[in-house]
Protein backbone atom coordinates (compact mmCIF):
# COMPACT_ATOMS: atom_id res chain seq x y z
CA MET A 1 0.00 0.00 0.00
CA PHE A 2 2.83 2.37 0.91
CA LYS A 3 4.65 1.51 -2.33
CA GLN A 4 1.56 2.29 -4.43
CA GLY A 5 1.09 5.62 -2.67
CA PHE A 6 4.76 6.47 -3.12
CA LEU A 7 4.64 5.65 -6.84
CA TRP A 8 1.43 7.67 -7.23
CA VAL A 9 3.13 10.73 -5.71
CA ILE A 10 6.07 10.34 -8.13
CA ARG A 11 3.68 9.90 -11.07
CA PHE A 12 1.79 13.04 -10.05
CA ILE A 13 4.98 15.12 -9.61
CA VAL A 14 6.64 13.98 -12.85
CA GLY A 15 3.44 14.04 -14.89
CA GLY A 16 2.43 17.41 -13.50
CA LEU A 17 5.82 18.93 -14.33
CA PHE A 18 5.70 17.61 -17.89
CA ILE A 19 2.14 18.92 -18.35
CA PHE A 20 3.08 22.33 -16.91
CA SER A 21 6.27 22.59 -18.98
CA GLY A 22 4.51 21.43 -22.12
CA LEU A 23 1.54 23.79 -21.78
CA ILE A 24 3.83 26.79 -21.27
CA LYS A 25 5.61 25.89 -24.50
CA VAL A 26 2.35 25.06 -26.34
CA ASN A 27 1.58 28.71 -25.63
CA ASP A 28 4.66 29.70 -27.67
CA PRO A 29 5.92 26.98 -30.07
CA VAL A 30 7.83 29.58 -32.08
CA GLY A 31 9.92 30.33 -28.98
CA THR A 32 10.67 26.61 -28.64
CA SER A 33 11.72 26.43 -32.29
CA ILE A 34 14.08 29.40 -31.79
CA LYS A 35 15.68 27.57 -28.85
CA LEU A 36 16.01 24.37 -30.91
CA GLU A 37 17.74 26.35 -33.67
CA GLU A 38 20.26 27.58 -31.10
CA TYR A 39 20.99 23.99 -30.05
CA PHE A 40 21.27 22.83 -33.67
CA ASP A 41 23.76 25.63 -34.40
CA VAL A 42 25.92 24.62 -31.43
CA PHE A 43 25.70 20.87 -32.10
CA SER A 44 26.44 21.25 -35.82
CA THR A 45 29.72 22.96 -34.88
CA ASP A 46 30.68 20.92 -31.81
CA ILE A 47 29.27 17.43 -32.46
CA ALA A 48 28.18 16.67 -36.02
CA GLY A 49 27.41 18.74 -39.09
CA PHE A 50 24.09 16.99 -39.80
CA PHE A 51 22.39 18.99 -37.02
CA ALA A 52 22.45 21.98 -39.37
CA TYR A 53 20.00 20.13 -41.64
CA LEU A 54 17.46 20.02 -38.79
CA LYS A 55 17.18 23.82 -38.52
CA PRO A 56 14.53 24.18 -41.27
CA PHE A 57 12.33 21.73 -39.35
CA ALA A 58 12.78 23.38 -35.93
CA LEU A 59 9.17 24.60 -35.75
CA GLU A 60 7.69 21.19 -36.64
CA LEU A 61 10.02 19.45 -34.16
CA GLY A 62 9.16 22.05 -31.52
CA ILE A 63 5.41 21.47 -31.92
CA PHE A 64 5.94 17.69 -31.76
CA LEU A 65 8.02 17.92 -28.57
CA VAL A 66 5.73 20.29 -26.66
CA VAL A 67 2.60 18.29 -27.52
CA LEU A 68 4.43 15.09 -26.57
CA GLU A 69 5.34 16.57 -23.18
CA VAL A 70 1.72 17.34 -22.39
CA VAL A 71 0.36 14.00 -23.60
CA LEU A 72 2.99 11.88 -21.82
CA GLY A 73 2.35 13.84 -18.60
CA VAL A 74 -1.38 13.18 -18.87
CA MET A 75 -0.78 9.49 -19.63
CA LEU A 76 1.51 9.10 -16.62
CA VAL A 77 -0.91 10.72 -14.18
CA LEU A 78 -3.90 8.75 -15.50
CA GLY A 79 -2.00 5.45 -15.82
CA VAL A 80 -2.59 5.09 -19.56
CA LYS A 81 -0.21 2.57 -21.22
CA SER A 82 2.19 2.84 -18.26
CA ARG A 83 5.01 0.77 -19.75
CA PHE A 84 5.13 2.77 -22.99
CA THR A 85 4.78 6.07 -21.08
CA VAL A 86 7.67 5.35 -18.71
CA TRP A 87 9.93 4.25 -21.58
CA ALA A 88 9.06 7.38 -23.57
CA LEU A 89 9.61 9.67 -20.57
CA ALA A 90 12.92 7.97 -19.79
CA LEU A 91 14.18 8.54 -23.34
CA MET A 92 12.94 12.13 -23.32
CA ILE A 93 14.50 13.01 -19.96
CA LEU A 94 17.82 11.44 -21.01
CA PHE A 95 17.76 13.69 -24.08
CA PHE A 96 16.86 16.79 -22.03
CA THR A 97 19.48 16.00 -19.37
CA PHE A 98 22.15 15.76 -22.06
CA LEU A 99 21.05 19.11 -23.52
CA THR A 100 21.06 20.91 -20.19
CA PHE A 101 24.38 19.39 -19.07
CA TYR A 102 26.01 20.35 -22.36
CA SER A 103 24.63 23.90 -22.06
CA ALA A 104 25.77 24.26 -18.45
CA TYR A 105 29.20 22.63 -18.69
CA PHE A 106 30.25 24.25 -21.95
CA ASN A 107 28.20 27.45 -21.40
CA LYS A 108 26.79 27.21 -24.92
CA VAL A 109 23.05 27.96 -24.62
CA THR A 110 22.51 30.10 -21.54
CA ASP A 111 18.74 29.47 -21.28
CA CYS A 112 17.36 26.00 -22.02
CA GLY A 113 13.81 27.27 -22.46
CA CYS A 114 12.52 24.44 -20.23
CA PHE A 115 9.62 26.60 -19.06
CA GLY A 116 9.57 28.96 -22.01
CA ASP A 117 9.83 32.62 -21.04
CA ALA A 118 7.60 32.15 -17.97
CA ILE A 119 10.30 30.84 -15.62
CA LYS A 120 13.94 31.53 -16.35
CA LEU A 121 16.45 28.96 -15.12
CA THR A 122 20.22 29.13 -15.27
CA PRO A 123 21.89 26.28 -17.22
CA TRP A 124 22.95 24.52 -14.01
CA GLU A 125 19.48 24.95 -12.45
CA SER A 126 18.00 23.38 -15.58
CA PHE A 127 20.45 20.47 -15.36
CA TYR A 128 19.72 19.83 -11.66
CA LYS A 129 15.98 19.95 -12.39
CA ASP A 130 16.40 17.33 -15.13
CA LEU A 131 18.65 15.26 -12.86
CA ILE A 132 15.90 15.10 -10.21
CA LEU A 133 13.36 14.13 -12.87
CA LEU A 134 15.77 11.47 -14.15
CA VAL A 135 15.97 9.94 -10.68
CA LEU A 136 12.17 9.97 -10.24
CA ILE A 137 11.56 8.47 -13.69
CA SER A 138 14.25 5.85 -12.97
CA ILE A 139 12.25 4.79 -9.88
CA LEU A 140 9.14 4.42 -12.03
CA PHE A 141 11.19 2.47 -14.55
CA LEU A 142 12.40 0.05 -11.87
CA PHE A 143 8.88 -0.48 -10.50
CA GLN A 144 7.05 -0.79 -13.82
CA ALA A 145 5.40 -3.99 -12.59
CA ASP A 146 3.63 -1.98 -9.87
CA LEU A 147 2.22 0.65 -12.22
CA PRO A 148 -1.36 0.42 -13.54
CA LYS A 149 -1.76 -2.45 -16.03
CA SER A 150 -4.82 -0.87 -17.62
CA SER A 151 -6.82 2.34 -17.48
CA PRO A 152 -10.53 3.20 -17.76
CA VAL A 153 -11.94 4.18 -21.14
CA TRP A 154 -12.45 7.77 -20.02
CA ALA A 155 -8.70 8.10 -19.27
CA SER A 156 -7.82 7.02 -22.82
CA GLY A 157 -10.43 9.43 -24.14
CA PHE A 158 -9.04 12.27 -22.06
CA THR A 159 -5.56 11.49 -23.40
CA VAL A 160 -6.80 11.78 -26.99
CA ILE A 161 -8.55 15.05 -26.14
CA SER A 162 -5.33 16.44 -24.58
CA LEU A 163 -3.41 15.42 -27.72
CA VAL A 164 -5.85 17.11 -30.11
CA LEU A 165 -6.31 20.19 -27.93
CA SER A 166 -2.56 20.70 -27.39
CA PHE A 167 -1.89 20.36 -31.11
CA VAL A 168 -4.68 22.78 -32.05
CA LEU A 169 -3.54 25.35 -29.45
CA ALA A 170 0.04 25.09 -30.71
CA ILE A 171 -1.04 25.72 -34.32
CA VAL A 172 -3.26 28.64 -33.27
CA ALA A 173 -0.34 30.15 -31.31
CA VAL A 174 1.94 29.82 -34.35
CA ARG A 175 -0.58 31.39 -36.73
CA ASN A 176 -1.35 34.22 -34.35
CA LEU A 177 0.71 35.20 -31.29
CA PRO A 178 1.23 33.48 -27.90
CA PHE A 179 -1.96 33.48 -25.81
CA ILE A 180 0.04 34.76 -22.83
CA ASP A 181 3.09 36.93 -23.46
CA PHE A 182 5.79 36.41 -20.81
CA ARG A 183 8.45 38.53 -22.49
CA ALA A 184 9.79 41.97 -21.61
CA TYR A 185 8.07 43.49 -24.67
CA LYS A 186 4.49 42.44 -23.84
CA ALA A 187 1.57 44.84 -24.22
CA GLY A 188 1.43 47.35 -21.38
CA VAL A 189 5.16 47.57 -20.63
CA ASN A 190 7.33 50.60 -21.21
CA ILE A 191 10.42 49.50 -23.10
CA PRO A 192 12.73 52.35 -21.93
CA GLN A 193 11.81 51.56 -18.31
CA ASN A 194 12.58 47.87 -18.87
CA MET A 195 16.00 48.95 -20.13
CA GLN A 196 16.77 50.47 -16.72
CA PRO A 197 17.61 48.66 -13.44
CA SER A 198 14.58 48.29 -11.18
CA ALA A 199 16.75 49.38 -8.23
CA PRO A 200 20.33 50.65 -7.77
CA LEU A 201 22.72 47.80 -8.48
CA GLN A 202 24.72 46.72 -5.43
CA TYR A 203 28.05 44.91 -5.52
CA THR A 204 30.40 43.13 -3.17
CA TYR A 205 34.14 43.38 -3.74
CA VAL A 206 36.52 40.49 -3.20
CA MET A 207 40.03 41.62 -2.30
CA LYS A 208 43.22 39.73 -1.50
CA LYS A 209 46.00 40.48 0.95
CA ASP A 210 48.81 38.12 1.98
CA GLY A 211 47.04 35.27 0.17
CA GLU A 212 43.78 35.74 2.13
CA LEU A 213 40.51 36.77 0.51
CA SER A 214 38.15 39.31 2.09
CA THR A 215 34.75 40.57 0.92
CA PHE A 216 33.62 44.21 1.27
CA ASP A 217 30.28 45.90 0.61
CA GLN A 218 32.10 49.07 -0.42
CA TYR A 219 35.28 49.29 -2.45
CA PRO A 220 38.01 49.58 0.22
CA SER A 221 40.38 52.50 0.28
CA ASP A 222 43.25 50.35 1.60
CA GLU A 223 45.75 50.36 -1.29
CA SER A 224 47.53 47.29 0.07
CA LEU A 225 44.52 45.16 -0.94
CA GLU A 226 44.56 43.52 -4.37
CA PHE A 227 41.30 43.49 -6.32
CA VAL A 228 40.09 39.99 -7.25
CA GLU A 229 36.48 40.34 -8.45
CA MET A 230 33.17 42.11 -7.91
CA ASN A 231 29.85 40.29 -7.55
CA LEU A 232 26.33 41.62 -8.02
CA LYS A 233 24.27 41.35 -4.81
CA ASN A 234 20.85 42.00 -6.35
CA PRO A 235 20.74 40.42 -9.85
CA GLU A 236 16.93 40.63 -9.74
CA ALA A 237 17.33 44.39 -10.25
CA LEU A 238 19.11 44.01 -13.58
CA PRO A 239 17.31 45.53 -16.59
CA LYS A 240 14.82 43.17 -18.21
CA ILE A 241 15.99 44.44 -21.60
CA SER A 242 19.71 44.84 -22.16
CA ASP A 243 20.17 44.52 -25.91
CA PHE A 244 17.56 46.73 -27.61
CA ALA A 245 18.94 49.02 -30.31
CA VAL A 246 17.76 50.22 -33.72
CA TRP A 247 19.88 52.15 -36.17
CA ASN A 248 20.67 53.07 -39.77
CA GLU A 249 23.59 54.80 -41.51
CA ASP A 250 22.66 58.06 -39.76
CA GLY A 251 23.17 56.60 -36.28
CA ASP A 252 21.16 55.22 -33.35
CA TYR A 253 17.39 55.76 -33.49
CA SER A 254 16.33 54.10 -30.23
CA GLU A 255 15.24 57.36 -28.59
CA GLU A 256 13.37 58.39 -31.73
CA VAL A 257 11.39 55.12 -31.70
CA PHE A 258 10.42 55.76 -28.07
CA THR A 259 9.11 59.24 -28.85
CA GLY A 260 5.51 59.85 -29.86
CA SER A 261 3.19 57.43 -31.65
CA LYS A 262 4.92 54.71 -33.64
CA VAL A 263 3.83 51.55 -35.47
CA LEU A 264 6.79 49.23 -35.90
CA ILE A 265 6.73 46.76 -38.78
CA LEU A 266 9.17 44.11 -37.52
CA ALA A 267 11.02 41.51 -39.59
CA SER A 268 13.44 39.06 -37.98
CA SER A 269 14.60 37.63 -41.32
CA MET A 270 14.08 39.07 -44.78
CA ALA A 271 14.72 35.68 -46.41
CA LYS A 272 12.10 33.91 -44.27
CA MET A 273 9.58 36.76 -44.10
CA SER A 274 6.06 35.74 -45.10
CA ASP A 275 4.58 37.72 -47.99
CA SER A 276 1.03 36.43 -47.51
CA ASN A 277 -0.25 39.61 -45.83
CA LEU A 278 2.14 42.26 -47.13
CA GLY A 279 -0.70 43.79 -49.15
CA GLN A 280 -2.58 44.52 -45.93
CA ILE A 281 0.54 46.05 -44.39
CA ASP A 282 0.95 48.18 -47.54
CA GLU A 283 -2.60 49.45 -47.03
CA LEU A 284 -1.98 50.13 -43.32
CA ILE A 285 1.12 52.20 -44.05
CA LYS A 286 -0.68 54.09 -46.80
CA SER A 287 -3.68 54.79 -44.56
CA LEU A 288 -1.50 56.11 -41.73
CA SER A 289 0.09 58.68 -44.04
CA GLY A 290 -0.71 62.16 -42.77
CA SER A 291 -1.83 60.87 -39.34
CA PRO A 292 0.01 61.54 -36.05
CA VAL A 293 1.12 57.87 -36.08
CA GLN A 294 4.46 57.19 -37.76
CA PRO A 295 5.11 53.76 -39.33
CA VAL A 296 8.69 52.51 -38.93
CA PHE A 297 10.18 49.44 -40.60
CA VAL A 298 12.66 47.54 -38.38
CA ALA A 299 14.47 44.55 -39.86
CA ALA A 300 17.38 42.27 -39.05
CA ALA A 301 19.03 42.89 -42.42
CA SER A 302 21.62 45.04 -44.14
CA GLN A 303 20.72 48.60 -45.08
CA GLU A 304 20.89 47.63 -48.76
CA GLU A 305 18.40 44.75 -48.27
CA ILE A 306 16.05 47.03 -46.35
CA GLN A 307 16.18 49.79 -48.98
CA LYS A 308 15.60 47.32 -51.81
CA PHE A 309 12.58 45.87 -50.01
CA THR A 310 10.97 49.19 -49.03
CA LEU A 311 11.40 50.51 -52.59
CA SER A 312 9.75 47.39 -54.00
CA ARG A 313 6.78 47.89 -51.66
CA GLY A 314 6.60 51.66 -52.10
CA TRP A 315 7.13 52.28 -48.38
CA ASP A 316 8.38 55.85 -47.93
CA ILE A 317 8.96 55.45 -44.19
CA LEU A 318 11.80 55.47 -41.67
CA SER A 319 13.67 52.15 -41.98
CA LEU A 320 16.02 50.81 -39.32
CA GLN A 321 18.25 47.83 -38.63
CA ALA A 322 18.11 45.64 -35.51
CA ASP A 323 19.54 42.41 -34.15
CA ALA A 324 17.60 39.29 -35.22
CA THR A 325 17.44 37.88 -31.68
CA VAL A 326 15.99 41.14 -30.38
CA VAL A 327 13.31 41.22 -33.08
CA LYS A 328 12.39 37.56 -32.42
CA THR A 329 12.04 38.41 -28.74
CA MET A 330 9.89 41.44 -29.47
CA ILE A 331 7.35 39.55 -31.55
CA ARG A 332 6.73 35.94 -32.61
CA ALA A 333 5.79 36.82 -36.18
CA ASN A 334 7.76 37.60 -39.32
CA PRO A 335 6.62 40.20 -40.13
CA GLY A 336 4.88 41.43 -37.00
CA ILE A 337 3.41 44.74 -35.90
CA MET A 338 4.01 46.55 -32.61
CA VAL A 339 2.14 49.73 -31.65
CA LEU A 340 4.05 52.12 -29.35
CA LYS A 341 3.18 55.33 -27.55
CA ASP A 342 6.17 57.07 -25.94
CA GLY A 343 7.89 53.69 -25.65
CA THR A 344 4.90 51.88 -24.12
CA VAL A 345 3.64 48.83 -26.02
CA LEU A 346 -0.07 49.36 -26.71
CA GLU A 347 -0.64 46.24 -28.81
CA LYS A 348 1.08 43.58 -30.91
CA TYR A 349 -0.22 41.86 -34.05
CA HIS A 350 0.74 38.83 -36.11
CA HIS A 351 0.76 39.62 -39.83
CA ASN A 352 -2.22 37.25 -40.14
CA ASN A 353 -4.14 39.74 -37.98
CA THR A 354 -2.90 42.97 -39.56
CA PRO A 355 -5.13 45.77 -38.25
CA ASP A 356 -6.46 48.63 -40.33
CA ALA A 357 -5.57 52.27 -39.60
CA SER A 358 -8.80 52.97 -37.69
CA GLU A 359 -8.04 50.13 -35.27
CA ILE A 360 -4.56 51.54 -34.66
CA LEU A 361 -5.88 55.07 -34.13
CA ASP A 362 -8.52 53.76 -31.70
CA LEU A 363 -5.72 52.37 -29.49
CA TYR A 364 -4.40 55.90 -28.99
CA MET A 365 -7.86 57.16 -28.03
CA HIS A 366 -8.15 54.87 -24.99
């Protein structure tokens, strides 16, 4: 009886974590695909070149993995096909543990994306989390004979429903935007404020004298002490945004973008940018002409590429360059639309949901 209760607790913990992790990433499959691309880049250089061929399929693989996480979690909790579920979870956690160890030990990918953008873990925290899960799943693996041999029909039905629902939600999130935005550029935030520390940064100073190390809250005036290192005491106060910048050949335009009413047309890759709704964006830019709202094109591309594109579309608007990672963080669409007022994000749109000018102007009225 005790053994069954113990195994049920482990099933609930492991299954619940997989469901929670999977649902967070179902909310943002594009973010998962971006993280997979990072891993494929690293592995293609460090391990084997064939990983580079997986990059074009990162989104499909990301959707498969996040849906699988949810479904396997549900199956484990409900006791559906226990033997298959434990084997699948064991293989998956071995894969994840390898990824997180590689990231932590070699400091390659500094955020595993285990819980999307909702909960940030350091590489070593991610590895220790996976190590604990590996131990728990190993216990289930050893006691497979004591797991449920069968499950009620409703449990199998619920598993199918969770599979279909997770897949549908993932597709909807890809074709629109994440249902819940956990990033530092979500609607309602002021980007310039997020670029500032939330409180004065405080440091401790490690000094050495006669081979002995001492730590000080203030930099000591004793010149006989040798500086070793300084450590941040309140990392939670660091700016949420540390890499935002937009520019062209005339210089930095970050302050200009944060001034007044702006509609940013964002493109993280010119080569991969969808052209399915560019006609609607053309109409939006044309309709905003003469209004107090200034359209701005921001792309992760060379100035020549940007000029060639804007000329082909007839966009006579301010055009700026940006880093691709920053643009991908700002919006999960290529192209995407972000509405700003004095640096505050009023709304964000996937190109599939391109608004008309009246909708944009209404945002500034409220």
